[in-house]
Amino acid sequence: MSLKEVARRAGVGLATVDRVLNERGGVAPETVHRVLQAAREIGLKRILPEEHRHPWQIELLLSSNDSFFFKQLAQDFTEVASHLGYRRLTLHRTFVPEAQPERLAKLIRQGAETRDGLIVFAHEHPAIYEALEHCHARGVPVISLVTDLPGAARLCHVGINQFQAGRTAAQLMGKMLHQPGEVLMVSGHRDYSAHRQRIEGFRNLITERYPHLQLREVVAAQENRDTLSKLLEKQLVQSGNLLGIYNTGLGNTEIGQALARHRRLDQCVWITHELYATTRTLMAQQSVALTLDQNTRQHAQLALQLMLNYLEQSEEPDTYISGKVDFIIYTAENCL
């Protein structure tokens, strides 16, 4: 009797039979039971493994940039995985520079061969989309994290609504600024969808509802702090009536230093993202008005739970609704 017959009787593919009989792990308990039962029924001449499940092998691929957000996100994933238990899953963490999409795509492809599921932070790039298609063909689920990959072959997306976050920042900015003046938008990589969506949401709502506010050209430093300092200096020299600053990403320290040099630290309504030591300090000093935090803990909890629900119960999540993370608005009064 052959493995093909085992697969036919169990109603699974040959790859699943191979995983079960060679104890590679990553197969739902009920499927393991069906495969072993089919092997016994046909009298497969080999020693069969005991009917137990190995921990799910889950790969987490994150950005290696030095921002607080990714450091905290990695820590939260580790803590949540630990609470779920080592018998249930093993979390593997790999950090990849954002400027190396081909390397990330290679790691995704490798994960399709060795892991039961992948949770991936990635930006739109042909190599990434191809790697996700490979995972889909192999039957390995992938959850996109933080930055959406529209149309990609993924199980679902976990993250905040970035466009909505930008509009929220604009609504709050507009309510606080009553006099005509200029607003400066500071962005990270303009070719990254999360930053684009935040800027788009902010720009749209300011234009729609607050025509007395003039939006200056977006300052995009590609996450380079030195470049950001130089661009900010130029903008502050040119702007005579700067009333607000909206920063979508890295660089709050540089913004604070630039405003201090020009003695405008207490003259601008400054809205940014994420709650960490720098933004706490700036809010305590009344420099930053508020920050929109992406809630890293909820990212980790949702992504791991949705992945386990799929692996253990074949529960298909909604692409966006199931993984929607609620961002949190912090001010100096509720950030402690």
C-alpha atoms as a PDB file:
ATOM      1  CA  MET A   1       0.000   0.000   0.000  1.00  0.00           C
ATOM      2  CA  SER A   2       1.265   3.500  -0.867  1.00  0.00           C
ATOM      3  CA  LEU A   3       1.215   6.931   0.685  1.00  0.00           C
ATOM      4  CA  LYS A   4      -1.097   8.009  -2.144  1.00  0.00           C
ATOM      5  CA  GLU A   5      -3.707   5.583  -0.824  1.00  0.00           C
ATOM      6  CA  VAL A   6      -3.299   6.987   2.689  1.00  0.00           C
ATOM      7  CA  ALA A   7      -3.778  10.502   1.319  1.00  0.00           C
ATOM      8  CA  ARG A   8      -6.853   9.432  -0.663  1.00  0.00           C
ATOM      9  CA  ARG A   9      -8.508   7.747   2.307  1.00  0.00           C
ATOM     10  CA  ALA A  10      -7.725  10.614   4.671  1.00  0.00           C
ATOM     11  CA  GLY A  11      -8.815  13.234   2.142  1.00  0.00           C
ATOM     12  CA  VAL A  12      -5.553  15.163   2.327  1.00  0.00           C
ATOM     13  CA  GLY A  13      -2.530  15.845   0.137  1.00  0.00           C
ATOM     14  CA  LEU A  14       0.690  13.857   0.011  1.00  0.00           C
ATOM     15  CA  ALA A  15       2.563  16.713   1.706  1.00  0.00           C
ATOM     16  CA  THR A  16       0.246  16.440   4.729  1.00  0.00           C
ATOM     17  CA  VAL A  17       0.746  12.681   4.916  1.00  0.00           C
ATOM     18  CA  ASP A  18       4.492  13.267   4.835  1.00  0.00           C
ATOM     19  CA  ARG A  19       4.257  15.805   7.663  1.00  0.00           C
ATOM     20  CA  VAL A  20       2.239  13.437   9.847  1.00  0.00           C
ATOM     21  CA  LEU A  21       4.221  10.244   9.264  1.00  0.00           C
ATOM     22  CA  ASN A  22       7.586  11.972   9.629  1.00  0.00           C
ATOM     23  CA  GLU A  23       6.432  14.057  12.609  1.00  0.00           C
ATOM     24  CA  ARG A  24       7.259  17.408  11.035  1.00  0.00           C
ATOM     25  CA  GLY A  25       4.474  19.101  12.987  1.00  0.00           C
ATOM     26  CA  GLY A  26       2.067  21.818  11.922  1.00  0.00           C
ATOM     27  CA  VAL A  27      -0.972  19.616  11.237  1.00  0.00           C
ATOM     28  CA  ALA A  28      -4.314  19.981  13.004  1.00  0.00           C
ATOM     29  CA  PRO A  29      -5.058  17.170  15.535  1.00  0.00           C
ATOM     30  CA  GLU A  30      -8.147  15.954  13.658  1.00  0.00           C
ATOM     31  CA  THR A  31      -6.128  15.704  10.435  1.00  0.00           C
ATOM     32  CA  VAL A  32      -3.360  13.780  12.203  1.00  0.00           C
ATOM     33  CA  HIS A  33      -6.010  11.377  13.469  1.00  0.00           C
ATOM     34  CA  ARG A  34      -7.460  10.847   9.962  1.00  0.00           C
ATOM     35  CA  VAL A  35      -4.055  10.219   8.402  1.00  0.00           C
ATOM     36  CA  LEU A  36      -2.976   7.716  11.078  1.00  0.00           C
ATOM     37  CA  GLN A  37      -6.359   5.991  10.960  1.00  0.00           C
ATOM     38  CA  ALA A  38      -6.090   5.643   7.168  1.00  0.00           C
ATOM     39  CA  ALA A  39      -2.550   4.266   7.492  1.00  0.00           C
ATOM     40  CA  ARG A  40      -3.757   1.627   9.969  1.00  0.00           C
ATOM     41  CA  GLU A  41      -6.733   0.680   7.804  1.00  0.00           C
ATOM     42  CA  ILE A  42      -4.633  -0.041   4.740  1.00  0.00           C
ATOM     43  CA  GLY A  43      -1.954  -1.789   6.790  1.00  0.00           C
ATOM     44  CA  LEU A  44       0.881   0.592   5.930  1.00  0.00           C
ATOM     45  CA  LYS A  45       4.096  -1.300   6.694  1.00  0.00           C
ATOM     46  CA  ARG A  46       5.981   1.160   8.858  1.00  0.00           C
ATOM     47  CA  ILE A  47       6.072   2.285  12.467  1.00  0.00           C
ATOM     48  CA  LEU A  48       3.443   4.980  12.932  1.00  0.00           C
ATOM     49  CA  PRO A  49       4.045   7.973  15.212  1.00  0.00           C
ATOM     50  CA  GLU A  50       2.030   8.539  18.350  1.00  0.00           C
ATOM     51  CA  GLU A  51      -1.035  10.671  17.882  1.00  0.00           C
ATOM     52  CA  HIS A  52       0.046  13.992  19.312  1.00  0.00           C
ATOM     53  CA  ARG A  53       0.670  17.431  17.880  1.00  0.00           C
ATOM     54  CA  HIS A  54       3.938  19.300  17.837  1.00  0.00           C
ATOM     55  CA  PRO A  55       3.850  23.030  18.547  1.00  0.00           C
ATOM     56  CA  TRP A  56       2.912  25.162  15.554  1.00  0.00           C
ATOM     57  CA  GLN A  57       5.995  26.738  14.007  1.00  0.00           C
ATOM     58  CA  ILE A  58       5.202  30.399  13.316  1.00  0.00           C
ATOM     59  CA  GLU A  59       7.633  32.837  11.705  1.00  0.00           C
ATOM     60  CA  LEU A  60       7.427  36.550  12.508  1.00  0.00           C
ATOM     61  CA  LEU A  61       9.197  38.773   9.967  1.00  0.00           C
ATOM     62  CA  LEU A  62       9.637  42.370  11.120  1.00  0.00           C
ATOM     63  CA  SER A  63      11.533  45.512  10.155  1.00  0.00           C
ATOM     64  CA  SER A  64      14.961  45.936  11.705  1.00  0.00           C
ATOM     65  CA  ASN A  65      14.775  49.748  11.780  1.00  0.00           C
ATOM     66  CA  ASP A  66      15.522  51.449  15.093  1.00  0.00           C
ATOM     67  CA  SER A  67      12.061  52.854  15.759  1.00  0.00           C
ATOM     68  CA  PHE A  68      10.365  52.259  19.084  1.00  0.00           C
ATOM     69  CA  PHE A  69       7.336  50.763  17.362  1.00  0.00           C
ATOM     70  CA  PHE A  70       9.075  47.683  15.987  1.00  0.00           C
ATOM     71  CA  LYS A  71      11.074  47.053  19.140  1.00  0.00           C
ATOM     72  CA  GLN A  72       7.882  47.137  21.196  1.00  0.00           C
ATOM     73  CA  LEU A  73       5.997  45.047  18.643  1.00  0.00           C
ATOM     74  CA  ALA A  74       8.659  42.323  18.767  1.00  0.00           C
ATOM     75  CA  GLN A  75       8.550  42.317  22.563  1.00  0.00           C
ATOM     76  CA  ASP A  76       4.761  42.080  22.630  1.00  0.00           C
ATOM     77  CA  PHE A  77       4.743  39.145  20.212  1.00  0.00           C
ATOM     78  CA  THR A  78       7.229  37.307  22.406  1.00  0.00           C
ATOM     79  CA  GLU A  79       5.153  37.907  25.534  1.00  0.00           C
ATOM     80  CA  VAL A  80       1.853  36.918  23.913  1.00  0.00           C
ATOM     81  CA  ALA A  81       3.400  33.750  22.450  1.00  0.00           C
ATOM     82  CA  SER A  82       4.770  32.888  25.878  1.00  0.00           C
ATOM     83  CA  HIS A  83       1.323  33.265  27.438  1.00  0.00           C
ATOM     84  CA  LEU A  84      -0.178  30.989  24.793  1.00  0.00           C
ATOM     85  CA  GLY A  85       2.322  28.313  25.794  1.00  0.00           C
ATOM     86  CA  TYR A  86       5.365  26.605  24.284  1.00  0.00           C
ATOM     87  CA  ARG A  87       3.390  23.398  23.740  1.00  0.00           C
ATOM     88  CA  ARG A  88       0.984  25.266  21.486  1.00  0.00           C
ATOM     89  CA  LEU A  89       3.388  27.273  19.342  1.00  0.00           C
ATOM     90  CA  THR A  90       7.006  28.188  18.757  1.00  0.00           C
ATOM     91  CA  LEU A  91       7.534  31.764  17.604  1.00  0.00           C
ATOM     92  CA  HIS A  92      10.566  32.458  15.410  1.00  0.00           C
ATOM     93  CA  ARG A  93      11.522  36.135  14.967  1.00  0.00           C
ATOM     94  CA  THR A  94      13.561  37.472  12.054  1.00  0.00           C
ATOM     95  CA  PHE A  95      14.384  41.134  11.450  1.00  0.00           C
ATOM     96  CA  VAL A  96      14.979  42.440   7.935  1.00  0.00           C
ATOM     97  CA  PRO A  97      15.950  45.942   6.734  1.00  0.00           C
ATOM     98  CA  GLU A  98      13.029  47.600   4.980  1.00  0.00           C
ATOM     99  CA  ALA A  99      15.268  48.489   2.026  1.00  0.00           C
ATOM    100  CA  GLN A 100      15.851  44.796   1.220  1.00  0.00           C
ATOM    101  CA  PRO A 101      12.539  43.472  -0.185  1.00  0.00           C
ATOM    102  CA  GLU A 102      14.264  40.734  -2.204  1.00  0.00           C
ATOM    103  CA  ARG A 103      15.863  39.346   0.950  1.00  0.00           C
ATOM    104  CA  LEU A 104      12.519  39.453   2.727  1.00  0.00           C
ATOM    105  CA  ALA A 105      10.866  37.679  -0.212  1.00  0.00           C
ATOM    106  CA  LYS A 106      13.501  34.935   0.005  1.00  0.00           C
ATOM    107  CA  LEU A 107      12.815  34.471   3.717  1.00  0.00           C
ATOM    108  CA  ILE A 108       9.071  34.270   3.039  1.00  0.00           C
ATOM    109  CA  ARG A 109       9.690  31.543   0.478  1.00  0.00           C
ATOM    110  CA  GLN A 110      11.899  29.662   2.920  1.00  0.00           C
ATOM    111  CA  GLY A 111       9.204  29.961   5.545  1.00  0.00           C
ATOM    112  CA  ALA A 112       6.749  28.271   3.206  1.00  0.00           C
ATOM    113  CA  GLU A 113       8.929  25.155   3.387  1.00  0.00           C
ATOM    114  CA  THR A 114       9.693  25.112   7.120  1.00  0.00           C
ATOM    115  CA  ARG A 115       6.914  26.931   8.987  1.00  0.00           C
ATOM    116  CA  ASP A 116       3.214  26.365   9.551  1.00  0.00           C
ATOM    117  CA  GLY A 117       2.354  30.037   9.251  1.00  0.00           C
ATOM    118  CA  LEU A 118       3.974  33.440   8.703  1.00  0.00           C
ATOM    119  CA  ILE A 119       3.201  36.877  10.111  1.00  0.00           C
ATOM    120  CA  VAL A 120       4.884  39.454   7.895  1.00  0.00           C
ATOM    121  CA  PHE A 121       5.589  43.170   7.902  1.00  0.00           C
ATOM    122  CA  ALA A 122       6.324  44.083   4.293  1.00  0.00           C
ATOM    123  CA  HIS A 123       5.893  46.855   1.759  1.00  0.00           C
ATOM    124  CA  GLU A 124       4.448  46.575  -1.733  1.00  0.00           C
ATOM    125  CA  HIS A 125       7.029  45.023  -4.051  1.00  0.00           C
ATOM    126  CA  PRO A 126       6.688  42.455  -6.880  1.00  0.00           C
ATOM    127  CA  ALA A 127       9.058  40.002  -5.181  1.00  0.00           C
ATOM    128  CA  ILE A 128       6.977  40.110  -1.989  1.00  0.00           C
ATOM    129  CA  TYR A 129       3.756  39.453  -3.867  1.00  0.00           C
ATOM    130  CA  GLU A 130       5.354  36.526  -5.701  1.00  0.00           C
ATOM    131  CA  ALA A 131       6.622  35.060  -2.441  1.00  0.00           C
ATOM    132  CA  LEU A 132       3.145  35.297  -0.914  1.00  0.00           C
ATOM    133  CA  GLU A 133       1.696  33.514  -3.937  1.00  0.00           C
ATOM    134  CA  HIS A 134       4.235  30.754  -3.331  1.00  0.00           C
ATOM    135  CA  CYS A 135       3.057  30.438   0.278  1.00  0.00           C
ATOM    136  CA  HIS A 136      -0.548  30.286  -0.873  1.00  0.00           C
ATOM    137  CA  ALA A 137       0.275  27.519  -3.355  1.00  0.00           C
ATOM    138  CA  ARG A 138       1.998  25.581  -0.574  1.00  0.00           C
ATOM    139  CA  GLY A 139      -0.991  25.976   1.723  1.00  0.00           C
ATOM    140  CA  VAL A 140       0.966  28.040   4.261  1.00  0.00           C
ATOM    141  CA  PRO A 141      -1.112  30.924   5.686  1.00  0.00           C
ATOM    142  CA  VAL A 142       0.381  34.415   5.847  1.00  0.00           C
ATOM    143  CA  ILE A 143      -0.926  37.380   7.831  1.00  0.00           C
ATOM    144  CA  SER A 144       0.206  40.840   6.737  1.00  0.00           C
ATOM    145  CA  LEU A 145       1.023  43.166   9.615  1.00  0.00           C
ATOM    146  CA  VAL A 146       0.788  46.972  10.104  1.00  0.00           C
ATOM    147  CA  THR A 147       1.188  47.878   6.409  1.00  0.00           C
ATOM    148  CA  ASP A 148      -1.451  46.410   4.128  1.00  0.00           C
ATOM    149  CA  LEU A 149      -0.615  44.579   0.899  1.00  0.00           C
ATOM    150  CA  PRO A 150      -3.768  45.029  -1.199  1.00  0.00           C
ATOM    151  CA  GLY A 151      -4.620  42.056  -3.364  1.00  0.00           C
ATOM    152  CA  ALA A 152      -1.838  39.879  -1.979  1.00  0.00           C
ATOM    153  CA  ALA A 153      -2.370  36.166  -1.348  1.00  0.00           C
ATOM    154  CA  ARG A 154      -2.671  36.439   2.411  1.00  0.00           C
ATOM    155  CA  LEU A 155      -4.964  35.063   5.079  1.00  0.00           C
ATOM    156  CA  CYS A 156      -5.859  38.517   6.390  1.00  0.00           C
ATOM    157  CA  HIS A 157      -4.388  41.852   7.470  1.00  0.00           C
ATOM    158  CA  VAL A 158      -3.800  42.968  11.065  1.00  0.00           C
ATOM    159  CA  GLY A 159      -3.374  46.684  11.707  1.00  0.00           C
ATOM    160  CA  ILE A 160      -5.020  50.045  12.197  1.00  0.00           C
ATOM    161  CA  ASN A 161      -6.827  51.893   9.450  1.00  0.00           C
ATOM    162  CA  GLN A 162      -3.971  54.203   8.397  1.00  0.00           C
ATOM    163  CA  PHE A 163      -6.173  56.471   6.273  1.00  0.00           C
ATOM    164  CA  GLN A 164      -8.574  56.888   9.181  1.00  0.00           C
ATOM    165  CA  ALA A 165      -5.646  57.713  11.493  1.00  0.00           C
ATOM    166  CA  GLY A 166      -4.579  60.509   9.155  1.00  0.00           C
ATOM    167  CA  ARG A 167      -8.102  61.918   9.001  1.00  0.00           C
ATOM    168  CA  THR A 168      -8.374  61.751  12.787  1.00  0.00           C
ATOM    169  CA  ALA A 169      -5.139  63.721  13.151  1.00  0.00           C
ATOM    170  CA  ALA A 170      -6.503  66.316  10.706  1.00  0.00           C
ATOM    171  CA  GLN A 171      -9.823  66.601  12.522  1.00  0.00           C
ATOM    172  CA  LEU A 172      -8.072  67.254  15.824  1.00  0.00           C
ATOM    173  CA  MET A 173      -5.585  69.655  14.225  1.00  0.00           C
ATOM    174  CA  GLY A 174      -8.351  71.634  12.543  1.00  0.00           C
ATOM    175  CA  LYS A 175     -10.366  71.913  15.756  1.00  0.00           C
ATOM    176  CA  MET A 176      -7.349  73.374  17.559  1.00  0.00           C
ATOM    177  CA  LEU A 177      -6.294  75.890  14.902  1.00  0.00           C
ATOM    178  CA  HIS A 178      -8.757  78.737  14.334  1.00  0.00           C
ATOM    179  CA  GLN A 179      -6.538  81.347  12.685  1.00  0.00           C
ATOM    180  CA  PRO A 180      -5.311  81.144   9.056  1.00  0.00           C
ATOM    181  CA  GLY A 181      -1.835  79.713   8.752  1.00  0.00           C
ATOM    182  CA  GLU A 182       0.377  76.921   7.471  1.00  0.00           C
ATOM    183  CA  VAL A 183       0.618  73.251   8.430  1.00  0.00           C
ATOM    184  CA  LEU A 184       3.697  71.150   7.743  1.00  0.00           C
ATOM    185  CA  MET A 185       3.371  67.412   7.043  1.00  0.00           C
ATOM    186  CA  VAL A 186       6.385  65.231   7.834  1.00  0.00           C
ATOM    187  CA  SER A 187       6.419  61.694   6.421  1.00  0.00           C
ATOM    188  CA  GLY A 188       8.641  58.659   6.402  1.00  0.00           C
ATOM    189  CA  HIS A 189       9.075  56.779   3.129  1.00  0.00           C
ATOM    190  CA  ARG A 190       6.541  58.288   0.730  1.00  0.00           C
ATOM    191  CA  ASP A 191       6.495  55.051  -1.266  1.00  0.00           C
ATOM    192  CA  TYR A 192       5.340  53.074   1.802  1.00  0.00           C
ATOM    193  CA  SER A 193       1.584  52.658   1.882  1.00  0.00           C
ATOM    194  CA  ALA A 194       1.096  53.340   5.615  1.00  0.00           C
ATOM    195  CA  HIS A 195       2.727  56.774   5.317  1.00  0.00           C
ATOM    196  CA  ARG A 196       0.943  57.510   2.042  1.00  0.00           C
ATOM    197  CA  GLN A 197      -2.427  56.643   3.558  1.00  0.00           C
ATOM    198  CA  ARG A 198      -1.854  58.765   6.664  1.00  0.00           C
ATOM    199  CA  ILE A 199      -0.818  61.761   4.562  1.00  0.00           C
ATOM    200  CA  GLU A 200      -3.704  61.229   2.153  1.00  0.00           C
ATOM    201  CA  GLY A 201      -6.239  61.047   4.976  1.00  0.00           C
ATOM    202  CA  PHE A 202      -4.789  64.123   6.665  1.00  0.00           C
ATOM    203  CA  ARG A 203      -4.654  66.138   3.437  1.00  0.00           C
ATOM    204  CA  ASN A 204      -8.181  65.190   2.374  1.00  0.00           C
ATOM    205  CA  LEU A 205      -9.869  66.205   5.607  1.00  0.00           C
ATOM    206  CA  ILE A 206      -7.936  69.465   6.037  1.00  0.00           C
ATOM    207  CA  THR A 207      -8.836  70.413   2.457  1.00  0.00           C
ATOM    208  CA  GLU A 208     -12.495  69.457   2.926  1.00  0.00           C
ATOM    209  CA  ARG A 209     -13.185  71.107   6.278  1.00  0.00           C
ATOM    210  CA  TYR A 210     -10.460  73.621   7.133  1.00  0.00           C
ATOM    211  CA  PRO A 211      -9.711  75.771   4.084  1.00  0.00           C
ATOM    212  CA  HIS A 212      -8.123  78.435   6.317  1.00  0.00           C
ATOM    213  CA  LEU A 213      -5.164  76.065   6.822  1.00  0.00           C
ATOM    214  CA  GLN A 214      -2.582  75.941   4.054  1.00  0.00           C
ATOM    215  CA  LEU A 215      -0.695  72.649   3.672  1.00  0.00           C
ATOM    216  CA  ARG A 216       2.982  72.966   2.847  1.00  0.00           C
ATOM    217  CA  GLU A 217       4.837  70.453   0.685  1.00  0.00           C
ATOM    218  CA  VAL A 218       5.367  67.117   2.441  1.00  0.00           C
ATOM    219  CA  VAL A 219       8.776  66.710   4.045  1.00  0.00           C
ATOM    220  CA  ALA A 220       9.830  63.118   3.296  1.00  0.00           C
ATOM    221  CA  ALA A 221      13.267  62.174   4.627  1.00  0.00           C
ATOM    222  CA  GLN A 222      13.086  58.439   3.817  1.00  0.00           C
ATOM    223  CA  GLU A 223      13.554  57.676   7.543  1.00  0.00           C
ATOM    224  CA  ASN A 224      16.984  59.370   7.509  1.00  0.00           C
ATOM    225  CA  ARG A 225      17.380  61.563  10.588  1.00  0.00           C
ATOM    226  CA  ASP A 226      20.164  63.769   9.195  1.00  0.00           C
ATOM    227  CA  THR A 227      18.211  64.417   6.016  1.00  0.00           C
ATOM    228  CA  LEU A 228      15.122  65.233   8.064  1.00  0.00           C
ATOM    229  CA  SER A 229      17.012  67.825  10.139  1.00  0.00           C
ATOM    230  CA  LYS A 230      18.235  69.587   6.991  1.00  0.00           C
ATOM    231  CA  LEU A 231      14.798  69.586   5.368  1.00  0.00           C
ATOM    232  CA  LEU A 232      13.149  70.882   8.530  1.00  0.00           C
ATOM    233  CA  GLU A 233      15.651  73.706   8.780  1.00  0.00           C
ATOM    234  CA  LYS A 234      14.812  74.785   5.242  1.00  0.00           C
ATOM    235  CA  GLN A 235      11.065  74.635   5.893  1.00  0.00           C
ATOM    236  CA  LEU A 236      11.248  76.598   9.130  1.00  0.00           C
ATOM    237  CA  VAL A 237      13.344  79.330   7.542  1.00  0.00           C
ATOM    238  CA  GLN A 238      10.828  79.690   4.700  1.00  0.00           C
ATOM    239  CA  SER A 239       7.647  79.533   6.762  1.00  0.00           C
ATOM    240  CA  GLY A 240       6.597  82.726   8.490  1.00  0.00           C
ATOM    241  CA  ASN A 241       3.235  81.529   9.801  1.00  0.00           C
ATOM    242  CA  LEU A 242       3.632  77.876  10.747  1.00  0.00           C
ATOM    243  CA  LEU A 243       0.789  76.838  13.047  1.00  0.00           C
ATOM    244  CA  GLY A 244       0.852  73.035  12.933  1.00  0.00           C
ATOM    245  CA  ILE A 245       3.006  69.970  12.287  1.00  0.00           C
ATOM    246  CA  TYR A 246       1.790  66.456  11.555  1.00  0.00           C
ATOM    247  CA  ASN A 247       4.447  63.740  11.638  1.00  0.00           C
ATOM    248  CA  THR A 248       3.520  60.275  10.345  1.00  0.00           C
ATOM    249  CA  GLY A 249       6.633  58.416  11.484  1.00  0.00           C
ATOM    250  CA  LEU A 250      10.233  58.612  12.652  1.00  0.00           C
ATOM    251  CA  GLY A 251      11.909  61.884  13.664  1.00  0.00           C
ATOM    252  CA  ASN A 252      10.142  63.413  16.663  1.00  0.00           C
ATOM    253  CA  THR A 253      13.477  64.156  18.335  1.00  0.00           C
ATOM    254  CA  GLU A 254      14.683  66.032  15.241  1.00  0.00           C
ATOM    255  CA  ILE A 255      11.418  67.955  14.938  1.00  0.00           C
ATOM    256  CA  GLY A 256      11.637  69.019  18.572  1.00  0.00           C
ATOM    257  CA  GLN A 257      15.239  70.164  18.151  1.00  0.00           C
ATOM    258  CA  ALA A 258      14.414  72.128  15.003  1.00  0.00           C
ATOM    259  CA  LEU A 259      11.434  73.882  16.597  1.00  0.00           C
ATOM    260  CA  ALA A 260      13.520  74.715  19.662  1.00  0.00           C
ATOM    261  CA  ARG A 261      16.267  76.273  17.520  1.00  0.00           C
ATOM    262  CA  HIS A 262      13.684  78.543  15.904  1.00  0.00           C
ATOM    263  CA  ARG A 263      11.886  79.228  19.204  1.00  0.00           C
ATOM    264  CA  ARG A 264       8.631  77.754  17.908  1.00  0.00           C
ATOM    265  CA  LEU A 265       8.323  74.787  20.254  1.00  0.00           C
ATOM    266  CA  ASP A 266       5.316  76.261  22.042  1.00  0.00           C
ATOM    267  CA  GLN A 267       3.838  77.970  18.986  1.00  0.00           C
ATOM    268  CA  CYS A 268       2.818  74.925  16.887  1.00  0.00           C
ATOM    269  CA  VAL A 269       0.104  72.334  17.344  1.00  0.00           C
ATOM    270  CA  TRP A 270       2.192  69.199  16.872  1.00  0.00           C
ATOM    271  CA  ILE A 271       0.530  65.809  16.315  1.00  0.00           C
ATOM    272  CA  THR A 272       2.489  62.601  15.842  1.00  0.00           C
ATOM    273  CA  HIS A 273       2.293  58.803  16.167  1.00  0.00           C
ATOM    274  CA  GLU A 274       3.182  56.247  18.878  1.00  0.00           C
ATOM    275  CA  LEU A 275       3.545  56.570  22.633  1.00  0.00           C
ATOM    276  CA  TYR A 276       7.132  56.078  23.838  1.00  0.00           C
ATOM    277  CA  ALA A 277       9.728  57.892  25.961  1.00  0.00           C
ATOM    278  CA  THR A 278      10.271  60.754  23.490  1.00  0.00           C
ATOM    279  CA  THR A 279       6.585  61.490  22.892  1.00  0.00           C
ATOM    280  CA  ARG A 280       5.803  61.175  26.609  1.00  0.00           C
ATOM    281  CA  THR A 281       8.461  63.778  27.374  1.00  0.00           C
ATOM    282  CA  LEU A 282       7.330  66.094  24.580  1.00  0.00           C
ATOM    283  CA  MET A 283       3.724  65.897  25.727  1.00  0.00           C
ATOM    284  CA  ALA A 284       4.728  66.532  29.353  1.00  0.00           C
ATOM    285  CA  GLN A 285       6.561  69.645  28.122  1.00  0.00           C
ATOM    286  CA  GLN A 286       3.421  70.712  26.221  1.00  0.00           C
ATOM    287  CA  SER A 287       5.348  70.496  22.940  1.00  0.00           C
ATOM    288  CA  VAL A 288       3.412  67.617  21.356  1.00  0.00           C
ATOM    289  CA  ALA A 289      -0.374  68.083  21.580  1.00  0.00           C
ATOM    290  CA  LEU A 290      -1.226  64.417  21.169  1.00  0.00           C
ATOM    291  CA  THR A 291      -0.053  61.149  19.677  1.00  0.00           C
ATOM    292  CA  LEU A 292      -1.954  58.375  17.891  1.00  0.00           C
ATOM    293  CA  ASP A 293      -0.644  55.038  19.145  1.00  0.00           C
ATOM    294  CA  GLN A 294      -0.989  51.893  17.006  1.00  0.00           C
ATOM    295  CA  ASN A 295      -1.443  49.596  20.007  1.00  0.00           C
ATOM    296  CA  THR A 296       1.332  47.031  19.475  1.00  0.00           C
ATOM    297  CA  ARG A 297      -0.081  44.624  22.044  1.00  0.00           C
ATOM    298  CA  GLN A 298      -3.350  44.254  20.160  1.00  0.00           C
ATOM    299  CA  HIS A 299      -1.402  43.635  16.939  1.00  0.00           C
ATOM    300  CA  ALA A 300       0.374  40.707  18.568  1.00  0.00           C
ATOM    301  CA  GLN A 301      -2.712  39.265  20.248  1.00  0.00           C
ATOM    302  CA  LEU A 302      -4.892  39.436  17.145  1.00  0.00           C
ATOM    303  CA  ALA A 303      -2.284  38.125  14.700  1.00  0.00           C
ATOM    304  CA  LEU A 304      -1.354  35.089  16.797  1.00  0.00           C
ATOM    305  CA  GLN A 305      -4.943  34.250  17.716  1.00  0.00           C
ATOM    306  CA  LEU A 306      -6.182  34.513  14.109  1.00  0.00           C
ATOM    307  CA  MET A 307      -3.302  32.329  12.958  1.00  0.00           C
ATOM    308  CA  LEU A 308      -4.026  29.664  15.588  1.00  0.00           C
ATOM    309  CA  ASN A 309      -7.747  29.756  14.851  1.00  0.00           C
ATOM    310  CA  TYR A 310      -6.970  29.015  11.218  1.00  0.00           C
ATOM    311  CA  LEU A 311      -4.384  26.305  11.876  1.00  0.00           C
ATOM    312  CA  GLU A 312      -6.360  24.502  14.572  1.00  0.00           C
ATOM    313  CA  GLN A 313      -9.952  25.032  13.487  1.00  0.00           C
ATOM    314  CA  SER A 314      -9.683  26.052   9.810  1.00  0.00           C
ATOM    315  CA  GLU A 315     -11.426  29.312  10.774  1.00  0.00           C
ATOM    316  CA  GLU A 316     -11.224  31.771   7.888  1.00  0.00           C
ATOM    317  CA  PRO A 317     -10.947  35.395   9.101  1.00  0.00           C
ATOM    318  CA  ASP A 318     -12.363  38.394   7.288  1.00  0.00           C
ATOM    319  CA  THR A 319      -9.535  40.101   5.409  1.00  0.00           C
ATOM    320  CA  TYR A 320      -9.834  43.386   7.315  1.00  0.00           C
ATOM    321  CA  ILE A 321     -12.561  43.227   9.955  1.00  0.00           C
ATOM    322  CA  SER A 322     -11.082  40.328  11.941  1.00  0.00           C
ATOM    323  CA  GLY A 323      -7.675  41.947  12.222  1.00  0.00           C
ATOM    324  CA  LYS A 324      -8.713  45.556  12.756  1.00  0.00           C
ATOM    325  CA  VAL A 325      -6.673  47.197  15.511  1.00  0.00           C
ATOM    326  CA  ASP A 326      -8.041  50.218  17.362  1.00  0.00           C
ATOM    327  CA  PHE A 327      -5.515  53.044  17.636  1.00  0.00           C
ATOM    328  CA  ILE A 328      -5.361  55.015  20.888  1.00  0.00           C
ATOM    329  CA  ILE A 329      -5.178  58.808  21.250  1.00  0.00           C
ATOM    330  CA  TYR A 330      -2.872  59.948  24.049  1.00  0.00           C
ATOM    331  CA  THR A 331      -2.358  63.422  25.495  1.00  0.00           C
ATOM    332  CA  ALA A 332      -0.314  64.606  28.473  1.00  0.00           C
ATOM    333  CA  GLU A 333      -3.322  63.793  30.665  1.00  0.00           C
ATOM    334  CA  ASN A 334      -3.685  60.062  29.905  1.00  0.00           C
ATOM    335  CA  CYS A 335      -0.223  58.877  28.857  1.00  0.00           C
ATOM    336  CA  LEU A 336       1.079  57.873  32.295  1.00  0.00           C
END
